[in-house]
Amino acid sequence: MAAKSKATGATGGEASSPWVKRLLAANKTCVCQDGKKKMMYAFSDGTELAEDYDLQTDLIVERRWRKQSTLGAAGSWEYEIGEPPRAASAFASSDGGFMVASSDNPVFLRQDTPKEFQWRVRNMPYALDVYSVTVDSEKQQLVLRTTNKKYFKRFSVPDMERLGIELDQDAVSLAHANNTLIISYQKPPAVLALEKQLKTMRAGIKANQEGDVECAPS
C-alpha cells in the first residue's frame, strides 16, 4: 500500500498515482445526453465505473461502481456520489395488507461542490449543536454522532483513499437547514489538481454513437 500523505501536501504526485494510471488504462466511453456528460470506464478486472457530470458546470452529480461476481456476472451498482433509485419498500403487514416504510427516515447521500466533498443527511430535525463529525485517524473515516443518540454513521472519503491522503479534522465543517445536516470537507490541493487533470482528459473524449451531442470541453 502506498504511504499516506498529509492532506495539505504537495500536488505533484497525483498525476503518477496508481489510481490515475488505472483510469488512463481503462477503456473509456462518453455520452452526452439529458444535460449530462456520462463517462463510463471499463477496467481490465471487469469492474465498471460510471460518472455523470453536469454539462453546464462540469460538476459531478453521480458516481457509481459495478463489479463482476466470481462467476463473471455483473453485480448491482454501488453509489459513491448521488442518490440511488429508491427500491419499492412495501412489506406485508399482520392483517394481510401492505405497509410502506416511513419516508421520514434519515437519507444519507453525497453531493460535492467544486471546492468541497459534501454529504447531506435528510430528515434530521435536530439543532446544529446536536451533531458532531470527527476524524478517526486509525481507520481513516469520518464519524457522525448525535448527542441524543438518534443517529450514528461512519463513512470514508474514497477520493482521499485512492490518493493515499490522510483526513484532516480542520477540513470538516457542519451546517443545518431545512431538516438537512450538511457535512463539508475541504478538498486538499492534490484532489483539486487531479480533478483539473481529469477534466482535461474528459474533454478530449468524443461521444460514442449513442450520444446526441459530442462531449466537447465545458
Protein backbone atom coordinates (compact mmCIF):
# COMPACT_ATOMS: atom_id res chain seq x y z
CA MET A 1 0.00 0.00 0.00
CA ALA A 2 1.25 3.46 -0.84
CA ALA A 3 2.32 5.59 2.09
CA LYS A 4 -0.28 8.08 3.29
CA SER A 5 0.47 11.77 2.85
CA LYS A 6 -0.84 14.75 4.74
CA ALA A 7 -3.97 16.42 3.34
CA THR A 8 -2.13 19.67 2.69
CA GLY A 9 0.83 18.02 0.96
CA ALA A 10 2.32 18.80 -2.42
CA THR A 11 0.27 18.30 -5.58
CA GLY A 12 2.90 16.70 -7.78
CA GLY A 13 2.23 13.02 -7.06
CA GLU A 14 -1.39 12.68 -8.09
CA ALA A 15 -0.60 12.54 -11.83
CA SER A 16 1.53 9.40 -11.40
CA SER A 17 -0.56 7.71 -8.69
CA PRO A 18 -1.75 4.11 -9.21
CA TRP A 19 -5.32 5.42 -9.34
CA VAL A 20 -4.59 7.82 -12.21
CA LYS A 21 -2.66 5.14 -14.08
CA ARG A 22 -5.64 2.80 -13.69
CA LEU A 23 -8.03 5.43 -15.05
CA LEU A 24 -5.81 6.18 -18.03
CA ALA A 25 -5.51 2.48 -18.85
CA ALA A 26 -9.27 1.86 -18.69
CA ASN A 27 -11.47 1.60 -21.78
CA LYS A 28 -13.38 4.90 -21.75
CA THR A 29 -16.59 5.97 -23.49
CA CYS A 30 -18.58 9.19 -23.28
CA VAL A 31 -22.22 10.00 -23.98
CA CYS A 32 -23.73 13.47 -23.64
CA GLN A 33 -27.49 13.48 -23.13
CA ASP A 34 -30.15 14.79 -20.76
CA GLY A 35 -27.88 17.69 -19.84
CA LYS A 36 -25.17 15.38 -18.55
CA LYS A 37 -21.78 14.17 -19.69
CA LYS A 38 -21.84 10.44 -18.94
CA MET A 39 -18.45 8.76 -18.64
CA MET A 40 -18.03 5.00 -18.49
CA TYR A 41 -14.75 3.32 -17.52
CA ALA A 42 -14.25 -0.42 -18.07
CA PHE A 43 -11.25 -1.87 -16.20
CA SER A 44 -9.29 -5.00 -17.03
CA ASP A 45 -10.62 -6.84 -13.95
CA GLY A 46 -14.22 -6.41 -15.11
CA THR A 47 -15.01 -3.52 -12.77
CA GLU A 48 -17.07 -0.67 -14.25
CA LEU A 49 -17.13 2.96 -13.16
CA ALA A 50 -19.88 5.32 -14.32
CA GLU A 51 -19.73 9.08 -13.74
CA ASP A 52 -22.28 11.75 -14.69
CA TYR A 53 -21.25 15.40 -14.95
CA ASP A 54 -23.46 18.45 -15.39
CA LEU A 55 -22.82 19.76 -18.91
CA GLN A 56 -23.03 23.40 -17.84
CA THR A 57 -20.87 23.32 -14.70
CA ASP A 58 -18.87 20.10 -15.25
CA LEU A 59 -19.65 19.27 -11.61
CA ILE A 60 -20.01 15.57 -10.87
CA VAL A 61 -23.56 14.61 -9.92
CA GLU A 62 -23.26 10.83 -9.80
CA ARG A 63 -20.54 8.21 -9.43
CA ARG A 64 -21.29 4.51 -9.18
CA TRP A 65 -19.33 1.26 -9.33
CA ARG A 66 -20.20 -2.23 -10.50
CA LYS A 67 -18.06 -5.32 -10.01
CA GLN A 68 -18.30 -8.77 -11.54
CA SER A 69 -19.19 -11.73 -9.39
CA THR A 70 -16.85 -14.69 -9.05
CA LEU A 71 -18.83 -16.33 -11.89
CA GLY A 72 -18.42 -13.29 -14.14
CA ALA A 73 -21.96 -11.94 -13.80
CA ALA A 74 -22.46 -8.19 -13.47
CA GLY A 75 -23.25 -7.09 -9.92
CA SER A 76 -25.51 -4.26 -8.80
CA TRP A 77 -24.42 -0.63 -8.95
CA GLU A 78 -22.96 0.81 -5.75
CA TYR A 79 -23.29 4.59 -5.45
CA GLU A 80 -20.36 6.70 -4.25
CA ILE A 81 -21.90 10.06 -5.23
CA GLY A 82 -25.57 10.82 -5.83
CA GLU A 83 -28.74 9.10 -4.72
CA PRO A 84 -29.57 5.60 -5.93
CA PRO A 85 -33.07 4.94 -7.26
CA ARG A 86 -35.40 4.10 -4.44
CA ALA A 87 -36.48 0.49 -4.47
CA ALA A 88 -40.02 -0.50 -3.60
CA SER A 89 -40.22 -0.50 0.19
CA ALA A 90 -43.64 -2.06 0.77
CA PHE A 91 -43.84 -5.08 3.06
CA ALA A 92 -46.63 -7.33 4.28
CA SER A 93 -48.49 -6.32 7.45
CA SER A 94 -50.09 -8.61 10.04
CA ASP A 95 -53.60 -8.02 8.64
CA GLY A 96 -52.64 -9.26 5.18
CA GLY A 97 -52.22 -5.81 3.65
CA PHE A 98 -49.10 -3.85 2.85
CA MET A 99 -47.23 -1.16 4.69
CA VAL A 100 -44.70 1.29 3.28
CA ALA A 101 -41.50 2.21 5.10
CA SER A 102 -41.60 5.72 6.52
CA SER A 103 -40.27 8.48 4.30
CA ASP A 104 -39.15 10.27 7.47
CA ASN A 105 -36.14 8.00 7.94
CA PRO A 106 -32.74 9.71 7.55
CA VAL A 107 -31.35 9.64 4.00
CA PHE A 108 -27.55 9.85 3.63
CA LEU A 109 -26.01 10.81 0.29
CA ARG A 110 -23.04 12.62 -1.16
CA GLN A 111 -23.29 15.72 -3.36
CA ASP A 112 -19.99 17.53 -3.93
CA THR A 113 -19.26 21.19 -4.68
CA PRO A 114 -16.27 22.42 -6.72
CA LYS A 115 -14.19 23.03 -3.59
CA GLU A 116 -15.63 20.55 -1.08
CA PHE A 117 -16.67 16.95 -0.64
CA GLN A 118 -20.17 17.23 0.76
CA TRP A 119 -22.64 14.83 2.35
CA ARG A 120 -26.27 15.51 3.17
CA VAL A 121 -28.39 13.72 5.73
CA ARG A 122 -32.06 14.47 5.13
CA ASN A 123 -34.81 14.19 7.74
CA MET A 124 -32.56 15.35 10.57
CA PRO A 125 -34.65 17.86 12.55
CA TYR A 126 -32.28 18.46 15.47
CA ALA A 127 -30.39 21.67 16.20
CA LEU A 128 -26.87 22.02 14.80
CA ASP A 129 -25.21 21.66 18.20
CA VAL A 130 -26.60 18.10 18.48
CA TYR A 131 -24.27 16.85 15.73
CA SER A 132 -20.53 16.22 15.66
CA VAL A 133 -18.25 14.81 12.96
CA THR A 134 -14.78 13.66 13.97
CA VAL A 135 -11.90 12.03 12.14
CA ASP A 136 -10.96 8.50 13.17
CA SER A 137 -7.26 8.68 12.33
CA GLU A 138 -6.67 4.96 12.74
CA LYS A 139 -9.47 3.84 10.40
CA GLN A 140 -9.31 6.96 8.22
CA GLN A 141 -13.04 7.52 8.46
CA LEU A 142 -15.37 10.36 9.36
CA VAL A 143 -17.68 9.59 12.28
CA LEU A 144 -21.06 11.30 12.61
CA ARG A 145 -22.65 11.28 16.07
CA THR A 146 -25.60 12.96 17.77
CA THR A 147 -25.68 13.84 21.45
CA ASN A 148 -29.23 12.43 21.69
CA LYS A 149 -28.04 9.04 20.33
CA LYS A 150 -30.54 9.19 17.45
CA TYR A 151 -28.06 8.74 14.61
CA PHE A 152 -24.56 7.32 14.13
CA LYS A 153 -22.62 6.70 10.95
CA ARG A 154 -19.08 6.02 9.83
CA PHE A 155 -18.05 6.87 6.27
CA SER A 156 -14.90 7.25 4.25
CA VAL A 157 -13.75 9.60 1.51
CA PRO A 158 -12.76 7.27 -1.34
CA ASP A 159 -11.17 10.12 -3.33
CA MET A 160 -8.70 10.66 -0.48
CA GLU A 161 -8.06 6.95 -0.05
CA ARG A 162 -7.28 6.50 -3.75
CA LEU A 163 -4.57 9.17 -3.49
CA GLY A 164 -3.29 7.98 -0.10
CA ILE A 165 -4.11 11.28 1.64
CA GLU A 166 -4.92 11.33 5.36
CA LEU A 167 -8.06 13.00 6.67
CA ASP A 168 -7.68 16.33 8.49
CA GLN A 169 -10.10 17.35 11.23
CA ASP A 170 -9.62 21.04 10.37
CA ALA A 171 -11.13 20.45 6.91
CA VAL A 172 -14.51 19.40 8.35
CA SER A 173 -17.43 21.80 8.78
CA LEU A 174 -21.14 21.39 9.53
CA ALA A 175 -24.31 23.28 8.63
CA HIS A 176 -28.01 22.60 9.09
CA ALA A 177 -31.01 23.84 7.09
CA ASN A 178 -34.46 22.56 6.11
CA ASN A 179 -34.15 19.43 8.27
CA THR A 180 -30.93 18.51 6.46
CA LEU A 181 -27.49 18.16 8.01
CA ILE A 182 -24.73 19.26 5.61
CA ILE A 183 -21.23 17.88 6.20
CA SER A 184 -18.47 19.53 4.19
CA TYR A 185 -14.83 18.56 3.80
CA GLN A 186 -12.48 20.99 2.07
CA LYS A 187 -10.75 19.30 -0.86
CA PRO A 188 -6.95 19.32 -0.47
CA PRO A 189 -4.76 20.77 -3.25
CA ALA A 190 -3.84 17.33 -4.60
CA VAL A 191 -7.51 16.45 -5.16
CA LEU A 192 -8.22 19.77 -6.88
CA ALA A 193 -5.19 19.28 -9.13
CA LEU A 194 -6.31 15.76 -10.04
CA GLU A 195 -9.85 16.91 -10.81
CA LYS A 196 -8.43 19.54 -13.14
CA GLN A 197 -6.30 16.90 -14.89
CA LEU A 198 -9.26 14.54 -15.30
CA LYS A 199 -11.45 17.35 -16.65
CA THR A 200 -8.90 17.85 -19.43
CA MET A 201 -8.92 14.12 -20.12
CA ARG A 202 -12.73 14.01 -20.34
CA ALA A 203 -12.79 16.96 -22.70
CA GLY A 204 -10.69 15.03 -25.20
CA ILE A 205 -13.04 12.03 -25.39
CA LYS A 206 -15.69 12.06 -28.14
CA ALA A 207 -19.21 10.82 -27.54
CA ASN A 208 -19.99 7.39 -28.96
CA GLN A 209 -22.77 6.78 -31.47
CA GLU A 210 -25.43 6.60 -28.75
CA GLY A 211 -24.83 10.20 -27.71
CA ASP A 212 -26.99 13.00 -29.01
CA VAL A 213 -24.13 15.55 -28.99
CA GLU A 214 -20.35 15.42 -28.78
CA CYS A 215 -18.72 15.63 -25.37
CA ALA A 216 -16.90 18.86 -26.14
CA PRO A 217 -14.99 20.82 -23.48
CA SER A 218 -17.21 22.64 -20.98
